Amino acid sequence: MSDFRGASADAFAAVTTELDTAVGGSVEQASKVGGELFSVAAVFRSEPSLRRVVTDVSVPGEAKSGLVRDVFDTKLDESSLTVVTTAVTRRWTRGRDLADALERAGVIALVKSAESDSGRLSDELFEVGQLVKDNPALRDALSDPARSAEDKRHLVHGLLDGKALPATVALVDQSLAGTYRTVGVALHEYQQVAAQVHDQSVAEVRVAHPLPEAEVRRLSTALSRQYGREVHLNVVVDPDVIGGLRVEIGDDGIDGTVASRLSEAGRKLAG
């Protein structure tokens, strides 16, 4: 799912503005709207004829809005329905952008439902992503096309229920929808959206050994000062680092590892 361009960027901005009104300050409402937007996105993806009509620029907005209300009126909360009608009355650069935008709006709603636990939400999404990456049996089970979606959700809930935030569980559920190439890619994207909602950046820090909490705070403070916005750290213990640390934030990389310094010394000697 790429960033929106042209008309789709303007349409998505309108959708997120309507979303803010729809969820208000209610945790329950944010969670409900998020789940319902995921469902609508799935319908638009699975029903190409419906998607074509609601993204056809020659069809009046009022007609699209009426069609959406006919299809979803008894299935959605009025707040969710308002977000969807706002979406279909806008112009989209590509037809598939509509469903992608509604899914991303659903992610934003669930991030908002976590409120002050946003840092915990980000950590949990990262930890689940690492768990899937490091556990081939789990990764294969979640990507197995022969297993039903319900079976995969049951597996996820068995791992997370009672241990993770409801928003985390809902987002991991959504990562199974197949919108992204893999579950891991989906969880990474959701964490990036969570950071954007709170005007943060996300940095991956690789170290040879776990960092003391005080050192994590100092590094976060230093990076936040350097980048002019709060930076959330994902700390990964990686034996290949040897010593020091490697930081990746966006397209920037900061390599202060022993391995890097040895490699640089070797290049100088060879030169």
Protein backbone atom coordinates (compact mmCIF):
# COMPACT_ATOMS: atom_id res chain seq x y z
CA MET A 1 0.00 0.00 0.00
CA SER A 2 1.79 3.12 -1.23
CA ASP A 3 1.34 6.77 -0.31
CA PHE A 4 -1.55 8.52 -1.99
CA ARG A 5 -0.85 10.93 -4.84
CA GLY A 6 -2.75 13.64 -6.68
CA ALA A 7 -6.51 13.52 -6.22
CA SER A 8 -6.21 10.54 -3.86
CA ALA A 9 -4.05 12.55 -1.45
CA ASP A 10 -6.72 15.26 -1.29
CA ALA A 11 -9.46 12.64 -0.89
CA PHE A 12 -7.62 10.90 1.92
CA ALA A 13 -7.16 14.23 3.72
CA ALA A 14 -10.93 14.73 3.58
CA VAL A 15 -11.50 11.19 4.91
CA THR A 16 -9.16 11.72 7.88
CA THR A 17 -10.83 15.04 8.71
CA GLU A 18 -14.22 13.30 8.76
CA LEU A 19 -12.69 10.47 10.80
CA ASP A 20 -11.63 12.91 13.53
CA THR A 21 -15.24 14.03 13.86
CA ALA A 22 -16.54 10.47 13.73
CA VAL A 23 -14.43 9.12 16.60
CA GLY A 24 -14.44 12.26 18.73
CA GLY A 25 -12.67 11.52 22.00
CA SER A 26 -14.32 8.15 22.57
CA VAL A 27 -12.11 5.07 22.85
CA GLU A 28 -15.08 2.78 22.19
CA GLN A 29 -16.19 4.77 19.15
CA ALA A 30 -12.68 4.85 17.70
CA SER A 31 -12.39 1.08 18.07
CA LYS A 32 -15.81 0.47 16.53
CA VAL A 33 -15.25 2.81 13.57
CA GLY A 34 -11.82 1.29 12.92
CA GLY A 35 -13.20 -2.23 12.71
CA GLU A 36 -16.10 -1.19 10.50
CA LEU A 37 -13.84 0.66 8.07
CA PHE A 38 -11.76 -2.51 7.72
CA SER A 39 -14.93 -4.40 6.81
CA VAL A 40 -15.98 -1.84 4.19
CA ALA A 41 -12.48 -1.85 2.65
CA ALA A 42 -12.73 -5.64 2.34
CA VAL A 43 -16.12 -5.35 0.58
CA PHE A 44 -14.79 -2.84 -1.94
CA ARG A 45 -11.84 -5.14 -2.67
CA SER A 46 -14.00 -8.23 -3.09
CA GLU A 47 -16.76 -6.55 -5.14
CA PRO A 48 -15.12 -4.96 -8.21
CA SER A 49 -18.45 -3.92 -9.76
CA LEU A 50 -19.36 -1.93 -6.64
CA ARG A 51 -15.88 -0.43 -6.48
CA ARG A 52 -16.06 0.66 -10.11
CA VAL A 53 -19.35 2.47 -9.57
CA VAL A 54 -18.29 4.35 -6.43
CA THR A 55 -14.97 5.45 -8.00
CA ASP A 56 -16.44 6.38 -11.41
CA VAL A 57 -16.00 10.14 -11.87
CA SER A 58 -19.01 10.26 -14.20
CA VAL A 59 -21.39 9.08 -11.45
CA PRO A 60 -22.74 11.98 -9.33
CA GLY A 61 -21.59 12.06 -5.72
CA GLU A 62 -25.16 12.03 -4.47
CA ALA A 63 -25.85 8.79 -6.34
CA LYS A 64 -22.70 7.17 -4.91
CA SER A 65 -23.62 8.27 -1.40
CA GLY A 66 -27.12 6.86 -1.82
CA LEU A 67 -25.78 3.53 -3.10
CA VAL A 68 -23.38 3.21 -0.17
CA ARG A 69 -26.17 3.92 2.29
CA ASP A 70 -28.35 1.28 0.63
CA VAL A 71 -25.56 -1.30 0.85
CA PHE A 72 -24.21 -0.54 4.34
CA ASP A 73 -27.00 1.27 6.20
CA THR A 74 -27.92 -1.63 8.51
CA LYS A 75 -24.35 -2.82 8.88
CA LEU A 76 -22.52 0.31 10.02
CA ASP A 77 -22.67 2.86 12.80
CA GLU A 78 -23.76 6.26 11.45
CA SER A 79 -20.31 7.71 12.17
CA SER A 80 -18.62 5.01 10.09
CA LEU A 81 -21.17 5.47 7.34
CA THR A 82 -20.44 9.20 7.22
CA VAL A 83 -16.72 8.50 6.74
CA VAL A 84 -17.48 6.05 3.93
CA THR A 85 -19.88 8.41 2.14
CA THR A 86 -17.26 11.15 2.37
CA ALA A 87 -14.78 8.77 0.76
CA VAL A 88 -16.98 7.71 -2.17
CA THR A 89 -17.97 11.25 -3.06
CA ARG A 90 -14.32 12.20 -3.55
CA ARG A 91 -12.20 11.66 -6.65
CA TRP A 92 -9.50 8.96 -6.51
CA THR A 93 -6.43 8.71 -8.72
CA ARG A 94 -6.75 4.91 -8.84
CA GLY A 95 -9.82 2.85 -8.01
CA ARG A 96 -7.93 0.70 -5.52
CA ASP A 97 -6.95 3.79 -3.53
CA LEU A 98 -10.47 3.98 -2.07
CA ALA A 99 -10.20 0.65 -0.23
CA ASP A 100 -6.59 1.37 0.77
CA ALA A 101 -7.64 4.74 2.20
CA LEU A 102 -10.47 3.23 4.24
CA GLU A 103 -8.13 0.59 5.63
CA ARG A 104 -5.58 3.22 6.60
CA ALA A 105 -8.32 5.32 8.19
CA GLY A 106 -9.28 2.22 10.17
CA VAL A 107 -5.69 1.89 11.38
CA ILE A 108 -5.70 5.54 12.45
CA ALA A 109 -8.96 5.03 14.35
CA LEU A 110 -7.55 2.05 16.24
CA VAL A 111 -4.36 3.97 17.05
CA LYS A 112 -6.54 6.73 18.49
CA SER A 113 -8.40 4.13 20.56
CA ALA A 114 -5.14 3.35 22.40
CA GLU A 115 -4.96 6.96 23.67
CA SER A 116 -2.10 7.34 26.19
CA ASP A 117 -0.97 3.76 25.52
CA SER A 118 0.27 4.72 22.05
CA GLY A 119 3.87 3.93 22.99
CA ARG A 120 2.85 0.50 24.24
CA LEU A 121 0.85 -0.08 21.06
CA SER A 122 3.88 0.72 18.92
CA ASP A 123 6.08 -1.58 21.01
CA GLU A 124 3.59 -4.43 20.80
CA LEU A 125 3.23 -4.15 17.02
CA PHE A 126 7.00 -4.28 16.70
CA GLU A 127 7.31 -7.22 19.10
CA VAL A 128 4.66 -9.24 17.27
CA GLY A 129 6.42 -8.47 14.00
CA GLN A 130 9.71 -9.72 15.45
CA LEU A 131 7.98 -12.83 16.82
CA VAL A 132 6.60 -13.67 13.39
CA LYS A 133 9.97 -12.97 11.76
CA ASP A 134 11.94 -15.13 14.20
CA ASN A 135 9.46 -18.02 14.36
CA PRO A 136 9.26 -19.87 11.02
CA ALA A 137 6.44 -22.17 12.21
CA LEU A 138 4.28 -19.20 13.22
CA ARG A 139 5.14 -17.30 10.04
CA ASP A 140 4.19 -20.29 7.90
CA ALA A 141 0.94 -20.82 9.81
CA LEU A 142 -0.15 -17.20 9.32
CA SER A 143 0.74 -17.20 5.62
CA ASP A 144 -0.65 -20.66 4.80
CA PRO A 145 -3.43 -20.20 2.18
CA ALA A 146 -4.88 -23.58 3.18
CA ARG A 147 -5.70 -22.31 6.67
CA SER A 148 -8.90 -20.35 7.10
CA ALA A 149 -8.88 -16.73 8.21
CA GLU A 150 -10.83 -17.78 11.29
CA ASP A 151 -8.18 -20.37 12.19
CA LYS A 152 -5.44 -17.75 11.82
CA ARG A 153 -7.35 -15.30 13.99
CA HIS A 154 -7.83 -18.00 16.63
CA LEU A 155 -4.07 -18.55 16.63
CA VAL A 156 -3.40 -14.82 17.03
CA HIS A 157 -5.90 -14.46 19.85
CA GLY A 158 -4.39 -17.43 21.64
CA LEU A 159 -1.03 -15.64 21.61
CA LEU A 160 -2.20 -12.13 22.43
CA ASP A 161 -5.48 -12.11 24.36
CA GLY A 162 -4.94 -10.81 27.87
CA LYS A 163 -1.33 -9.88 27.05
CA ALA A 164 -1.71 -7.07 24.51
CA LEU A 165 -3.88 -4.01 24.04
CA PRO A 166 -7.21 -4.55 22.26
CA ALA A 167 -5.98 -2.19 19.53
CA THR A 168 -2.89 -4.36 19.03
CA VAL A 169 -5.00 -7.50 18.70
CA ALA A 170 -7.34 -5.78 16.22
CA LEU A 171 -4.43 -4.57 14.09
CA VAL A 172 -2.73 -7.98 14.10
CA ASP A 173 -6.09 -9.43 13.02
CA GLN A 174 -6.18 -6.95 10.14
CA SER A 175 -2.61 -7.84 9.14
CA LEU A 176 -3.99 -11.27 8.17
CA ALA A 177 -6.27 -9.76 5.51
CA GLY A 178 -3.64 -10.10 2.79
CA THR A 179 -3.55 -6.41 1.89
CA TYR A 180 0.23 -6.40 2.28
CA ARG A 181 2.79 -8.84 0.95
CA THR A 182 3.33 -10.39 4.40
CA VAL A 183 2.02 -10.03 7.94
CA GLY A 184 5.37 -8.55 8.95
CA VAL A 185 5.16 -5.84 6.28
CA ALA A 186 1.62 -4.98 7.41
CA LEU A 187 2.63 -4.67 11.07
CA HIS A 188 5.60 -2.47 10.12
CA GLU A 189 3.30 -0.19 8.11
CA TYR A 190 0.79 -0.01 10.96
CA GLN A 191 3.55 1.06 13.33
CA GLN A 192 4.58 3.80 10.91
CA VAL A 193 0.97 5.04 10.76
CA ALA A 194 0.83 5.01 14.57
CA ALA A 195 3.96 7.17 14.69
CA GLN A 196 2.53 9.62 12.14
CA VAL A 197 -0.69 9.98 14.14
CA HIS A 198 1.37 11.17 17.10
CA ASP A 199 3.86 13.19 15.01
CA GLN A 200 6.70 10.80 15.77
CA SER A 201 9.45 9.04 13.89
CA VAL A 202 10.44 5.42 14.46
CA ALA A 203 14.07 4.38 14.81
CA GLU A 204 15.35 0.81 14.80
CA VAL A 205 18.36 0.46 17.08
CA ARG A 206 20.52 -2.67 16.81
CA VAL A 207 22.80 -3.46 19.73
CA ALA A 208 24.88 -6.43 20.86
CA HIS A 209 23.32 -6.49 24.32
CA PRO A 210 20.12 -5.06 25.86
CA LEU A 211 20.35 -1.36 26.70
CA PRO A 212 19.55 -0.09 30.23
CA GLU A 213 16.32 1.93 30.31
CA ALA A 214 18.20 5.12 31.18
CA GLU A 215 20.39 4.73 28.09
CA VAL A 216 17.33 4.14 25.90
CA ARG A 217 15.83 7.38 27.19
CA ARG A 218 19.05 9.32 26.57
CA LEU A 219 19.30 8.00 23.01
CA SER A 220 15.64 8.80 22.33
CA THR A 221 16.10 12.32 23.67
CA ALA A 222 19.22 12.87 21.55
CA LEU A 223 17.55 11.62 18.37
CA SER A 224 14.39 13.64 19.07
CA ARG A 225 16.51 16.77 19.43
CA GLN A 226 18.37 15.99 16.19
CA TYR A 227 15.23 15.31 14.12
CA GLY A 228 12.99 17.93 15.69
CA ARG A 229 10.24 15.49 16.66
CA GLU A 230 9.74 12.69 19.15
CA VAL A 231 11.51 9.48 18.14
CA HIS A 232 10.19 6.09 19.25
CA LEU A 233 12.89 3.42 19.54
CA ASN A 234 12.63 -0.22 18.49
CA VAL A 235 15.62 -1.90 20.14
CA VAL A 236 16.84 -5.15 18.56
CA VAL A 237 19.55 -7.29 20.14
CA ASP A 238 21.76 -8.46 17.27
CA PRO A 239 24.98 -10.46 17.97
CA ASP A 240 26.39 -9.37 14.59
CA VAL A 241 26.70 -5.83 15.92
CA ILE A 242 29.63 -6.93 18.17
CA GLY A 243 29.67 -3.62 20.06
CA GLY A 244 28.26 -0.10 19.85
CA LEU A 245 24.99 0.39 18.04
CA ARG A 246 23.43 0.86 14.62
CA VAL A 247 20.47 3.24 14.19
CA GLU A 248 18.13 3.38 11.20
CA ILE A 249 15.53 6.14 11.07
CA GLY A 250 13.71 6.62 7.79
CA ASP A 251 16.34 6.70 5.05
CA ASP A 252 19.09 7.70 7.49
CA GLY A 253 21.58 5.27 9.00
CA ILE A 254 23.99 5.87 11.87
CA ASP A 255 26.53 3.07 12.28
CA GLY A 256 28.63 3.22 15.44
CA THR A 257 29.35 -0.48 15.73
CA VAL A 258 32.72 -2.13 16.33
CA ALA A 259 32.12 -4.21 13.21
CA SER A 260 31.70 -1.04 11.15
CA ARG A 261 34.87 0.51 12.55
CA LEU A 262 36.86 -2.68 11.89
CA SER A 263 35.52 -2.82 8.34
CA GLU A 264 36.49 0.82 7.76
CA ALA A 265 39.97 0.21 9.18
CA GLY A 266 40.36 -2.79 6.86
CA ARG A 267 39.38 -0.69 3.83
CA LYS A 268 41.94 1.95 4.76
CA LEU A 269 44.67 -0.64 5.17
CA ALA A 270 43.77 -2.24 1.85
CA GLY A 271 43.82 1.17 0.17
